[in-house]
PDB file of N, CA and C in Angstrom:
ATOM      1  N   MET A   1     -26.645   3.975  13.322  1.00  0.00           N
ATOM      2  CA  MET A   1     -27.703   3.298  14.070  1.00  0.00           C
ATOM      3  C   MET A   1     -29.064   3.835  13.621  1.00  0.00           C
ATOM      4  N   GLN A   2     -29.973   2.951  13.310  1.00  0.00           N
ATOM      5  CA  GLN A   2     -31.290   3.347  12.841  1.00  0.00           C
ATOM      6  C   GLN A   2     -32.264   3.395  14.021  1.00  0.00           C
ATOM      7  N   THR A   3     -33.049   4.444  14.055  1.00  0.00           N
ATOM      8  CA  THR A   3     -34.014   4.642  15.126  1.00  0.00           C
ATOM      9  C   THR A   3     -35.402   4.296  14.611  1.00  0.00           C
ATOM     10  N   ASP A   4     -36.240   3.757  15.483  1.00  0.00           N
ATOM     11  CA  ASP A   4     -37.606   3.460  15.060  1.00  0.00           C
ATOM     12  C   ASP A   4     -38.371   4.767  14.848  1.00  0.00           C
ATOM     13  N   PRO A   5     -39.367   4.756  13.969  1.00  0.00           N
ATOM     14  CA  PRO A   5     -40.083   5.998  13.626  1.00  0.00           C
ATOM     15  C   PRO A   5     -40.713   6.709  14.824  1.00  0.00           C
ATOM     16  N   LEU A   6     -41.273   5.969  15.770  1.00  0.00           N
ATOM     17  CA  LEU A   6     -41.898   6.609  16.928  1.00  0.00           C
ATOM     18  C   LEU A   6     -40.854   7.365  17.756  1.00  0.00           C
ATOM     19  N   SER A   7     -39.695   6.759  17.970  1.00  0.00           N
ATOM     20  CA  SER A   7     -38.634   7.430  18.734  1.00  0.00           C
ATOM     21  C   SER A   7     -38.152   8.676  18.011  1.00  0.00           C
ATOM     22  N   GLU A   8     -38.034   8.595  16.701  1.00  0.00           N
ATOM     23  CA  GLU A   8     -37.596   9.757  15.926  1.00  0.00           C
ATOM     24  C   GLU A   8     -38.628  10.884  16.016  1.00  0.00           C
ATOM     25  N   THR A   9     -39.898  10.519  15.956  1.00  0.00           N
ATOM     26  CA  THR A   9     -40.963  11.516  16.062  1.00  0.00           C
ATOM     27  C   THR A   9     -40.970  12.162  17.438  1.00  0.00           C
ATOM     28  N   LEU A  10     -40.895  11.344  18.479  1.00  0.00           N
ATOM     29  CA  LEU A  10     -40.904  11.889  19.839  1.00  0.00           C
ATOM     30  C   LEU A  10     -39.675  12.754  20.091  1.00  0.00           C
ATOM     31  N   SER A  11     -38.549  12.368  19.548  1.00  0.00           N
ATOM     32  CA  SER A  11     -37.334  13.171  19.683  1.00  0.00           C
ATOM     33  C   SER A  11     -37.514  14.529  18.999  1.00  0.00           C
ATOM     34  N   ALA A  12     -38.106  14.521  17.815  1.00  0.00           N
ATOM     35  CA  ALA A  12     -38.352  15.781  17.097  1.00  0.00           C
ATOM     36  C   ALA A  12     -39.322  16.667  17.872  1.00  0.00           C
ATOM     37  N   LEU A  13     -40.309  16.065  18.506  1.00  0.00           N
ATOM     38  CA  LEU A  13     -41.308  16.820  19.261  1.00  0.00           C
ATOM     39  C   LEU A  13     -40.778  17.335  20.597  1.00  0.00           C
ATOM     40  N   ALA A  14     -39.632  16.850  21.026  1.00  0.00           N
ATOM     41  CA  ALA A  14     -39.077  17.251  22.320  1.00  0.00           C
ATOM     42  C   ALA A  14     -38.615  18.705  22.342  1.00  0.00           C
ATOM     43  N   ASP A  15     -38.368  19.282  21.183  1.00  0.00           N
ATOM     44  CA  ASP A  15     -37.857  20.659  21.117  1.00  0.00           C
ATOM     45  C   ASP A  15     -39.003  21.656  20.991  1.00  0.00           C
ATOM     46  N   PRO A  16     -39.064  22.686  21.854  1.00  0.00           N
ATOM     47  CA  PRO A  16     -40.172  23.648  21.804  1.00  0.00           C
ATOM     48  C   PRO A  16     -40.214  24.459  20.504  1.00  0.00           C
ATOM     49  N   THR A  17     -39.071  24.736  19.900  1.00  0.00           N
ATOM     50  CA  THR A  17     -39.071  25.470  18.626  1.00  0.00           C
ATOM     51  C   THR A  17     -39.728  24.629  17.536  1.00  0.00           C
ATOM     52  N   ARG A  18     -39.404  23.347  17.515  1.00  0.00           N
ATOM     53  CA  ARG A  18     -40.009  22.470  16.500  1.00  0.00           C
ATOM     54  C   ARG A  18     -41.509  22.308  16.736  1.00  0.00           C
ATOM     55  N   ARG A  19     -41.921  22.247  18.006  1.00  0.00           N
ATOM     56  CA  ARG A  19     -43.368  22.163  18.276  1.00  0.00           C
ATOM     57  C   ARG A  19     -44.064  23.440  17.826  1.00  0.00           C
ATOM     58  N   ALA A  20     -43.427  24.588  18.026  1.00  0.00           N
ATOM     59  CA  ALA A  20     -44.008  25.863  17.578  1.00  0.00           C
ATOM     60  C   ALA A  20     -44.101  25.901  16.047  1.00  0.00           C
ATOM     61  N   ILE A  21     -43.104  25.370  15.380  1.00  0.00           N
ATOM     62  CA  ILE A  21     -43.146  25.310  13.913  1.00  0.00           C
ATOM     63  C   ILE A  21     -44.314  24.438  13.467  1.00  0.00           C
ATOM     64  N   LEU A  22     -44.505  23.304  14.114  1.00  0.00           N
ATOM     65  CA  LEU A  22     -45.637  22.435  13.769  1.00  0.00           C
ATOM     66  C   LEU A  22     -46.973  23.127  14.023  1.00  0.00           C
ATOM     67  N   GLU A  23     -47.035  23.864  15.132  1.00  0.00           N
ATOM     68  CA  GLU A  23     -48.262  24.605  15.448  1.00  0.00           C
ATOM     69  C   GLU A  23     -48.571  25.598  14.336  1.00  0.00           C
ATOM     70  N   ARG A  24     -47.552  26.287  13.851  1.00  0.00           N
ATOM     71  CA  ARG A  24     -47.750  27.238  12.752  1.00  0.00           C
ATOM     72  C   ARG A  24     -48.189  26.509  11.477  1.00  0.00           C
ATOM     73  N   LEU A  25     -47.577  25.373  11.180  1.00  0.00           N
ATOM     74  CA  LEU A  25     -47.915  24.633   9.962  1.00  0.00           C
ATOM     75  C   LEU A  25     -49.303  23.993  10.034  1.00  0.00           C
ATOM     76  N   ALA A  26     -49.823  23.838  11.238  1.00  0.00           N
ATOM     77  CA  ALA A  26     -51.189  23.315  11.380  1.00  0.00           C
ATOM     78  C   ALA A  26     -52.206  24.292  10.795  1.00  0.00           C
ATOM     79  N   ARG A  27     -51.811  25.567  10.676  1.00  0.00           N
ATOM     80  CA  ARG A  27     -52.700  26.579  10.083  1.00  0.00           C
ATOM     81  C   ARG A  27     -52.562  26.637   8.572  1.00  0.00           C
ATOM     82  N   GLY A  28     -51.558  25.932   8.014  1.00  0.00           N
ATOM     83  CA  GLY A  28     -51.373  25.909   6.565  1.00  0.00           C
ATOM     84  C   GLY A  28     -49.907  25.980   6.192  1.00  0.00           C
ATOM     85  N   PRO A  29     -49.595  25.705   4.930  1.00  0.00           N
ATOM     86  CA  PRO A  29     -48.206  25.728   4.473  1.00  0.00           C
ATOM     87  C   PRO A  29     -47.554  27.094   4.688  1.00  0.00           C
ATOM     88  N   ALA A  30     -46.228  27.080   4.829  1.00  0.00           N
ATOM     89  CA  ALA A  30     -45.472  28.316   5.046  1.00  0.00           C
ATOM     90  C   ALA A  30     -44.069  28.154   4.487  1.00  0.00           C
ATOM     91  N   THR A  31     -43.467  29.269   4.121  1.00  0.00           N
ATOM     92  CA  THR A  31     -42.080  29.259   3.652  1.00  0.00           C
ATOM     93  C   THR A  31     -41.140  29.254   4.857  1.00  0.00           C
ATOM     94  N   VAL A  32     -39.880  28.995   4.608  1.00  0.00           N
ATOM     95  CA  VAL A  32     -38.881  28.998   5.671  1.00  0.00           C
ATOM     96  C   VAL A  32     -38.819  30.378   6.333  1.00  0.00           C
ATOM     97  N   ASN A  33     -38.855  31.443   5.529  1.00  0.00           N
ATOM     98  CA  ASN A  33     -38.821  32.800   6.090  1.00  0.00           C
ATOM     99  C   ASN A  33     -40.033  33.067   6.975  1.00  0.00           C
ATOM    100  N   GLU A  34     -41.206  32.617   6.546  1.00  0.00           N
ATOM    101  CA  GLU A  34     -42.414  32.800   7.365  1.00  0.00           C
ATOM    102  C   GLU A  34     -42.297  32.026   8.676  1.00  0.00           C
ATOM    103  N   LEU A  35     -41.725  30.833   8.608  1.00  0.00           N
ATOM    104  CA  LEU A  35     -41.575  30.023   9.821  1.00  0.00           C
ATOM    105  C   LEU A  35     -40.543  30.618  10.771  1.00  0.00           C
ATOM    106  N   ALA A  36     -39.525  31.248  10.202  1.00  0.00           N
ATOM    107  CA  ALA A  36     -38.442  31.820  11.015  1.00  0.00           C
ATOM    108  C   ALA A  36     -38.835  33.121  11.692  1.00  0.00           C
ATOM    109  N   GLU A  37     -39.821  33.806  11.137  1.00  0.00           N
ATOM    110  CA  GLU A  37     -40.183  35.151  11.591  1.00  0.00           C
ATOM    111  C   GLU A  37     -40.350  35.317  13.100  1.00  0.00           C
ATOM    112  N   PRO A  38     -41.090  34.453  13.789  1.00  0.00           N
ATOM    113  CA  PRO A  38     -41.306  34.697  15.221  1.00  0.00           C
ATOM    114  C   PRO A  38     -40.128  34.324  16.129  1.00  0.00           C
ATOM    115  N   PHE A  39     -39.083  33.736  15.560  1.00  0.00           N
ATOM    116  CA  PHE A  39     -37.970  33.249  16.380  1.00  0.00           C
ATOM    117  C   PHE A  39     -36.764  34.168  16.278  1.00  0.00           C
ATOM    118  N   ASP A  40     -36.028  34.243  17.347  1.00  0.00           N
ATOM    119  CA  ASP A  40     -34.803  35.034  17.384  1.00  0.00           C
ATOM    120  C   ASP A  40     -33.605  34.108  17.146  1.00  0.00           C
ATOM    121  N   ILE A  41     -33.685  33.343  16.045  1.00  0.00           N
ATOM    122  CA  ILE A  41     -32.594  32.443  15.674  1.00  0.00           C
ATOM    123  C   ILE A  41     -32.345  32.592  14.173  1.00  0.00           C
ATOM    124  N   SER A  42     -31.203  32.125  13.735  1.00  0.00           N
ATOM    125  CA  SER A  42     -30.804  32.294  12.337  1.00  0.00           C
ATOM    126  C   SER A  42     -31.600  31.387  11.389  1.00  0.00           C
ATOM    127  N   LEU A  43     -31.597  31.744  10.121  1.00  0.00           N
ATOM    128  CA  LEU A  43     -32.236  30.897   9.107  1.00  0.00           C
ATOM    129  C   LEU A  43     -31.584  29.517   9.041  1.00  0.00           C
ATOM    130  N   PRO A  44     -30.240  29.417   9.139  1.00  0.00           N
ATOM    131  CA  PRO A  44     -29.651  28.073   9.157  1.00  0.00           C
ATOM    132  C   PRO A  44     -30.142  27.224  10.339  1.00  0.00           C
ATOM    133  N   ALA A  45     -30.367  27.863  11.485  1.00  0.00           N
ATOM    134  CA  ALA A  45     -30.885  27.128  12.652  1.00  0.00           C
ATOM    135  C   ALA A  45     -32.306  26.641  12.385  1.00  0.00           C
ATOM    136  N   ILE A  46     -33.124  27.488  11.772  1.00  0.00           N
ATOM    137  CA  ILE A  46     -34.486  27.077  11.406  1.00  0.00           C
ATOM    138  C   ILE A  46     -34.417  25.919  10.414  1.00  0.00           C
ATOM    139  N   SER A  47     -33.513  26.011   9.456  1.00  0.00           N
ATOM    140  CA  SER A  47     -33.357  24.944   8.466  1.00  0.00           C
ATOM    141  C   SER A  47     -32.984  23.619   9.121  1.00  0.00           C
ATOM    142  N   ARG A  48     -32.141  23.680  10.142  1.00  0.00           N
ATOM    143  CA  ARG A  48     -31.780  22.446  10.854  1.00  0.00           C
ATOM    144  C   ARG A  48     -33.006  21.860  11.567  1.00  0.00           C
ATOM    145  N   HIS A  49     -33.811  22.729  12.173  1.00  0.00           N
ATOM    146  CA  HIS A  49     -35.046  22.254  12.806  1.00  0.00           C
ATOM    147  C   HIS A  49     -35.966  21.613  11.764  1.00  0.00           C
ATOM    148  N   LEU A  50     -36.071  22.240  10.607  1.00  0.00           N
ATOM    149  CA  LEU A  50     -36.930  21.704   9.545  1.00  0.00           C
ATOM    150  C   LEU A  50     -36.423  20.349   9.054  1.00  0.00           C
ATOM    151  N   LYS A  51     -35.111  20.182   8.990  1.00  0.00           N
ATOM    152  CA  LYS A  51     -34.543  18.892   8.569  1.00  0.00           C
ATOM    153  C   LYS A  51     -34.906  17.792   9.560  1.00  0.00           C
ATOM    154  N   VAL A  52     -34.866  18.115  10.850  1.00  0.00           N
ATOM    155  CA  VAL A  52     -35.240  17.135  11.877  1.00  0.00           C
ATOM    156  C   VAL A  52     -36.718  16.772  11.730  1.00  0.00           C
ATOM    157  N   LEU A  53     -37.560  17.779  11.555  1.00  0.00           N
ATOM    158  CA  LEU A  53     -39.004  17.531  11.389  1.00  0.00           C
ATOM    159  C   LEU A  53     -39.285  16.723  10.129  1.00  0.00           C
ATOM    160  N   GLU A  54     -38.573  17.047   9.061  1.00  0.00           N
ATOM    161  CA  GLU A  54     -38.761  16.324   7.800  1.00  0.00           C
ATOM    162  C   GLU A  54     -38.277  14.883   7.932  1.00  0.00           C
ATOM    163  N   SER A  55     -37.155  14.691   8.570  1.00  0.00           N
ATOM    164  CA  SER A  55     -36.609  13.344   8.772  1.00  0.00           C
ATOM    165  C   SER A  55     -37.565  12.473   9.593  1.00  0.00           C
ATOM    166  N   ALA A  56     -38.262  13.096  10.541  1.00  0.00           N
ATOM    167  CA  ALA A  56     -39.233  12.376  11.377  1.00  0.00           C
ATOM    168  C   ALA A  56     -40.565  12.180  10.663  1.00  0.00           C
ATOM    169  N   GLY A  57     -40.697  12.722   9.462  1.00  0.00           N
ATOM    170  CA  GLY A  57     -41.944  12.580   8.710  1.00  0.00           C
ATOM    171  C   GLY A  57     -43.047  13.517   9.154  1.00  0.00           C
ATOM    172  N   LEU A  58     -42.710  14.513   9.977  1.00  0.00           N
ATOM    173  CA  LEU A  58     -43.717  15.440  10.489  1.00  0.00           C
ATOM    174  C   LEU A  58     -44.057  16.551   9.505  1.00  0.00           C
ATOM    175  N   ILE A  59     -43.129  16.864   8.612  1.00  0.00           N
ATOM    176  CA  ILE A  59     -43.385  17.888   7.591  1.00  0.00           C
ATOM    177  C   ILE A  59     -42.848  17.393   6.253  1.00  0.00           C
ATOM    178  N   SER A  60     -43.299  18.043   5.200  1.00  0.00           N
ATOM    179  CA  SER A  60     -42.719  17.835   3.874  1.00  0.00           C
ATOM    180  C   SER A  60     -42.438  19.205   3.291  1.00  0.00           C
ATOM    181  N   ARG A  61     -41.512  19.238   2.352  1.00  0.00           N
ATOM    182  CA  ARG A  61     -41.167  20.509   1.712  1.00  0.00           C
ATOM    183  C   ARG A  61     -41.350  20.350   0.213  1.00  0.00           C
ATOM    184  N   GLY A  62     -42.044  21.304  -0.370  1.00  0.00           N
ATOM    185  CA  GLY A  62     -42.273  21.308  -1.808  1.00  0.00           C
ATOM    186  C   GLY A  62     -41.321  22.257  -2.504  1.00  0.00           C
ATOM    187  N   ARG A  63     -41.610  22.504  -3.761  1.00  0.00           N
ATOM    188  CA  ARG A  63     -40.794  23.454  -4.510  1.00  0.00           C
ATOM    189  C   ARG A  63     -41.724  24.219  -5.449  1.00  0.00           C
ATOM    190  N   GLU A  64     -41.769  25.523  -5.238  1.00  0.00           N
ATOM    191  CA  GLU A  64     -42.536  26.429  -6.095  1.00  0.00           C
ATOM    192  C   GLU A  64     -41.613  27.576  -6.474  1.00  0.00           C
ATOM    193  N   ALA A  65     -41.098  27.537  -7.682  1.00  0.00           N
ATOM    194  CA  ALA A  65     -40.116  28.517  -8.154  1.00  0.00           C
ATOM    195  C   ALA A  65     -38.943  28.540  -7.173  1.00  0.00           C
ATOM    196  N   GLN A  66     -38.633  29.694  -6.584  1.00  0.00           N
ATOM    197  CA  GLN A  66     -37.514  29.768  -5.653  1.00  0.00           C
ATOM    198  C   GLN A  66     -37.934  29.455  -4.217  1.00  0.00           C
ATOM    199  N   TRP A  67     -39.206  29.220  -3.970  1.00  0.00           N
ATOM    200  CA  TRP A  67     -39.714  28.958  -2.624  1.00  0.00           C
ATOM    201  C   TRP A  67     -39.750  27.466  -2.348  1.00  0.00           C
ATOM    202  N   ARG A  68     -39.555  27.118  -1.091  1.00  0.00           N
ATOM    203  CA  ARG A  68     -39.685  25.721  -0.653  1.00  0.00           C
ATOM    204  C   ARG A  68     -40.696  25.675   0.484  1.00  0.00           C
ATOM    205  N   PRO A  69     -41.987  25.774   0.155  1.00  0.00           N
ATOM    206  CA  PRO A  69     -42.994  25.783   1.226  1.00  0.00           C
ATOM    207  C   PRO A  69     -43.004  24.464   2.002  1.00  0.00           C
ATOM    208  N   CYS A  70     -43.238  24.596   3.287  1.00  0.00           N
ATOM    209  CA  CYS A  70     -43.318  23.438   4.181  1.00  0.00           C
ATOM    210  C   CYS A  70     -44.782  23.215   4.530  1.00  0.00           C
ATOM    211  N   GLN A  71     -45.120  21.957   4.739  1.00  0.00           N
ATOM    212  CA  GLN A  71     -46.477  21.659   5.186  1.00  0.00           C
ATOM    213  C   GLN A  71     -46.449  20.505   6.182  1.00  0.00           C
ATOM    214  N   LEU A  72     -47.439  20.502   7.047  1.00  0.00           N
ATOM    215  CA  LEU A  72     -47.574  19.483   8.080  1.00  0.00           C
ATOM    216  C   LEU A  72     -47.951  18.152   7.439  1.00  0.00           C
ATOM    217  N   GLU A  73     -47.354  17.080   7.921  1.00  0.00           N
ATOM    218  CA  GLU A  73     -47.699  15.719   7.511  1.00  0.00           C
ATOM    219  C   GLU A  73     -48.239  15.013   8.757  1.00  0.00           C
ATOM    220  N   PRO A  74     -49.553  14.933   8.889  1.00  0.00           N
ATOM    221  CA  PRO A  74     -50.142  14.470  10.147  1.00  0.00           C
ATOM    222  C   PRO A  74     -49.989  12.980  10.442  1.00  0.00           C
ATOM    223  N   GLN A  75     -49.563  12.174   9.485  1.00  0.00           N
ATOM    224  CA  GLN A  75     -49.477  10.733   9.720  1.00  0.00           C
ATOM    225  C   GLN A  75     -48.549  10.382  10.887  1.00  0.00           C
ATOM    226  N   ALA A  76     -47.410  11.065  10.979  1.00  0.00           N
ATOM    227  CA  ALA A  76     -46.485  10.783  12.087  1.00  0.00           C
ATOM    228  C   ALA A  76     -47.130  11.122  13.434  1.00  0.00           C
ATOM    229  N   LEU A  77     -47.924  12.188  13.478  1.00  0.00           N
ATOM    230  CA  LEU A  77     -48.631  12.535  14.715  1.00  0.00           C
ATOM    231  C   LEU A  77     -49.695  11.497  15.037  1.00  0.00           C
ATOM    232  N   LYS A  78     -50.294  10.937  14.010  1.00  0.00           N
ATOM    233  CA  LYS A  78     -51.299   9.886  14.202  1.00  0.00           C
ATOM    234  C   LYS A  78     -50.658   8.668  14.864  1.00  0.00           C
ATOM    235  N   GLN A  79     -49.430   8.346  14.483  1.00  0.00           N
ATOM    236  CA  GLN A  79     -48.722   7.222  15.104  1.00  0.00           C
ATOM    237  C   GLN A  79     -48.477   7.475  16.587  1.00  0.00           C
ATOM    238  N   VAL A  80     -48.144   8.715  16.945  1.00  0.00           N
ATOM    239  CA  VAL A  80     -47.949   9.067  18.355  1.00  0.00           C
ATOM    240  C   VAL A  80     -49.281   8.937  19.094  1.00  0.00           C
ATOM    241  N   ASP A  81     -50.356   9.421  18.484  1.00  0.00           N
ATOM    242  CA  ASP A  81     -51.675   9.338  19.107  1.00  0.00           C
ATOM    243  C   ASP A  81     -52.088   7.886  19.321  1.00  0.00           C
ATOM    244  N   GLU A  82     -51.815   7.030  18.347  1.00  0.00           N
ATOM    245  CA  GLU A  82     -52.151   5.611  18.490  1.00  0.00           C
ATOM    246  C   GLU A  82     -51.348   4.972  19.615  1.00  0.00           C
ATOM    247  N   TRP A  83     -50.075   5.360  19.741  1.00  0.00           N
ATOM    248  CA  TRP A  83     -49.247   4.835  20.817  1.00  0.00           C
ATOM    249  C   TRP A  83     -49.789   5.301  22.166  1.00  0.00           C
ATOM    250  N   LEU A  84     -50.179   6.584  22.243  1.00  0.00           N
ATOM    251  CA  LEU A  84     -50.717   7.130  23.491  1.00  0.00           C
ATOM    252  C   LEU A  84     -52.082   6.545  23.847  1.00  0.00           C
ATOM    253  N   ALA A  85     -52.833   6.114  22.854  1.00  0.00           N
ATOM    254  CA  ALA A  85     -54.174   5.577  23.093  1.00  0.00           C
ATOM    255  C   ALA A  85     -54.128   4.400  24.060  1.00  0.00           C
ATOM    256  N   TYR A  86     -53.087   3.604  23.969  1.00  0.00           N
ATOM    257  CA  TYR A  86     -52.939   2.470  24.877  1.00  0.00           C
ATOM    258  C   TYR A  86     -52.905   2.947  26.329  1.00  0.00           C
ATOM    259  N   TYR A  87     -52.194   4.041  26.579  1.00  0.00           N
ATOM    260  CA  TYR A  87     -52.043   4.567  27.941  1.00  0.00           C
ATOM    261  C   TYR A  87     -53.227   5.426  28.370  1.00  0.00           C
ATOM    262  N   ARG A  88     -53.939   5.958  27.411  1.00  0.00           N
ATOM    263  CA  ARG A  88     -55.090   6.797  27.706  1.00  0.00           C
ATOM    264  C   ARG A  88     -56.124   6.040  28.528  1.00  0.00           C
ATOM    265  N   ARG A  89     -56.253   4.754  28.296  1.00  0.00           N
ATOM    266  CA  ARG A  89     -57.249   3.966  29.046  1.00  0.00           C
ATOM    267  C   ARG A  89     -56.906   3.926  30.536  1.00  0.00           C
ATOM    268  N   PHE A  90     -55.604   3.979  30.866  1.00  0.00           N
ATOM    269  CA  PHE A  90     -55.212   4.018  32.273  1.00  0.00           C
ATOM    270  C   PHE A  90     -55.603   5.347  32.912  1.00  0.00           C
ATOM    271  N   TRP A  91     -55.391   6.444  32.157  1.00  0.00           N
ATOM    272  CA  TRP A  91     -55.768   7.763  32.669  1.00  0.00           C
ATOM    273  C   TRP A  91     -57.268   7.832  32.889  1.00  0.00           C
ATOM    274  N   THR A  92     -58.028   7.358  31.910  1.00  0.00           N
ATOM    275  CA  THR A  92     -59.481   7.388  32.008  1.00  0.00           C
ATOM    276  C   THR A  92     -59.939   6.581  33.220  1.00  0.00           C
ATOM    277  N   GLY A  93     -59.369   5.395  33.388  1.00  0.00           N
ATOM    278  CA  GLY A  93     -59.714   4.558  34.539  1.00  0.00           C
ATOM    279  C   GLY A  93     -59.376   5.235  35.846  1.00  0.00           C
ATOM    280  N   SER A  94     -58.236   5.911  35.895  1.00  0.00           N
ATOM    281  CA  SER A  94     -57.834   6.610  37.116  1.00  0.00           C
ATOM    282  C   SER A  94     -58.779   7.755  37.428  1.00  0.00           C
ATOM    283  N   PHE A  95     -59.186   8.499  36.416  1.00  0.00           N
ATOM    284  CA  PHE A  95     -60.121   9.602  36.633  1.00  0.00           C
ATOM    285  C   PHE A  95     -61.477   9.082  37.081  1.00  0.00           C
ATOM    286  N   ASP A  96     -61.915   7.971  36.508  1.00  0.00           N
ATOM    287  CA  ASP A  96     -63.187   7.381  36.931  1.00  0.00           C
ATOM    288  C   ASP A  96     -63.132   6.964  38.395  1.00  0.00           C
ATOM    289  N   LYS A  97     -62.010   6.379  38.809  1.00  0.00           N
ATOM    290  CA  LYS A  97     -61.849   5.975  40.212  1.00  0.00           C
ATOM    291  C   LYS A  97     -61.831   7.195  41.126  1.00  0.00           C
ATOM    292  N   MET A  98     -61.150   8.251  40.671  1.00  0.00           N
ATOM    293  CA  MET A  98     -61.074   9.472  41.471  1.00  0.00           C
ATOM    294  C   MET A  98     -62.471  10.098  41.606  1.00  0.00           C
ATOM    295  N   ASP A  99     -63.238  10.135  40.513  1.00  0.00           N
ATOM    296  CA  ASP A  99     -64.601  10.670  40.572  1.00  0.00           C
ATOM    297  C   ASP A  99     -65.456   9.873  41.552  1.00  0.00           C
ATOM    298  N   ALA A 100     -65.324   8.557  41.518  1.00  0.00           N
ATOM    299  CA  ALA A 100     -66.096   7.717  42.435  1.00  0.00           C
ATOM    300  C   ALA A 100     -65.689   7.980  43.883  1.00  0.00           C
ATOM    301  N   TYR A 101     -64.397   8.169  44.113  1.00  0.00           N
ATOM    302  CA  TYR A 101     -63.897   8.437  45.465  1.00  0.00           C
ATOM    303  C   TYR A 101     -64.396   9.797  45.966  1.00  0.00           C
ATOM    304  N   ILE A 102     -64.375  10.799  45.114  1.00  0.00           N
ATOM    305  CA  ILE A 102     -64.870  12.131  45.493  1.00  0.00           C
ATOM    306  C   ILE A 102     -66.361  12.073  45.807  1.00  0.00           C
ATOM    307  N   ALA A 103     -67.106  11.356  44.981  1.00  0.00           N
ATOM    308  CA  ALA A 103     -68.547  11.203  45.229  1.00  0.00           C
ATOM    309  C   ALA A 103     -68.784  10.521  46.572  1.00  0.00           C
ATOM    310  N   LYS A 104     -67.957   9.531  46.885  1.00  0.00           N
ATOM    311  CA  LYS A 104     -68.078   8.820  48.159  1.00  0.00           C
ATOM    312  C   LYS A 104     -67.790   9.767  49.326  1.00  0.00           C
ATOM    313  N   LEU A 105     -66.746  10.623  49.179  1.00  0.00           N
ATOM    314  CA  LEU A 105     -66.412  11.581  50.238  1.00  0.00           C
ATOM    315  C   LEU A 105     -67.533  12.595  50.429  1.00  0.00           C
ATOM    316  N   LYS A 106     -68.092  13.084  49.315  1.00  0.00           N
ATOM    317  CA  LYS A 106     -69.183  14.059  49.418  1.00  0.00           C
ATOM    318  C   LYS A 106     -70.389  13.442  50.111  1.00  0.00           C
ATOM    319  N   LYS A 107     -70.671  12.204  49.780  1.00  0.00           N
ATOM    320  CA  LYS A 107     -71.804  11.514  50.382  1.00  0.00           C
ATOM    321  C   LYS A 107     -71.572  11.334  51.888  1.00  0.00           C
ATOM    322  N   LYS A 108     -70.329  11.048  52.265  1.00  0.00           N
ATOM    323  CA  LYS A 108     -69.959  10.860  53.659  1.00  0.00           C
ATOM    324  C   LYS A 108     -70.103  12.166  54.439  1.00  0.00           C
ATOM    325  N   ASP A 109     -69.711  13.304  53.778  1.00  0.00           N
ATOM    326  CA  ASP A 109     -69.798  14.612  54.427  1.00  0.00           C
ATOM    327  C   ASP A 109     -71.251  15.011  54.687  1.00  0.00           C
ATOM    328  N   LYS A 110     -72.169  14.610  53.834  1.00  0.00           N
ATOM    329  CA  LYS A 110     -73.570  14.967  53.971  1.00  0.00           C
ATOM    330  C   LYS A 110     -74.218  14.255  55.154  1.00  0.00           C
ATOM    331  N   LYS A 111     -73.644  13.133  55.564  1.00  0.00           N
ATOM    332  CA  LYS A 111     -74.235  12.354  56.674  1.00  0.00           C
ATOM    333  C   LYS A 111     -73.925  12.941  57.983  1.00  0.00           C
TER     334      LYS A 111
END
């Protein structure tokens, strides 16, 4: 069964270890060993996380001699942001209504 790219991306982002890996890669490329360092899990487990991230298009892996540095691929995150943008207008509208209501309450209290 084939999953749409947005669902695959959101599924990959659902795991806190994978989000931490992305956070680290936002600072620049890193090797698998560098990515594994802060976690108390095996290298094969990190590799499985990297495969999920790569499959979702969130990272890419290069090849430099014996190293396979990973780097962030922001396009998949951009797709999530574009999807969220539709809903962001509802949040903004709700906050604007709440601000107006608070201002109304403050004005009422002053009377």
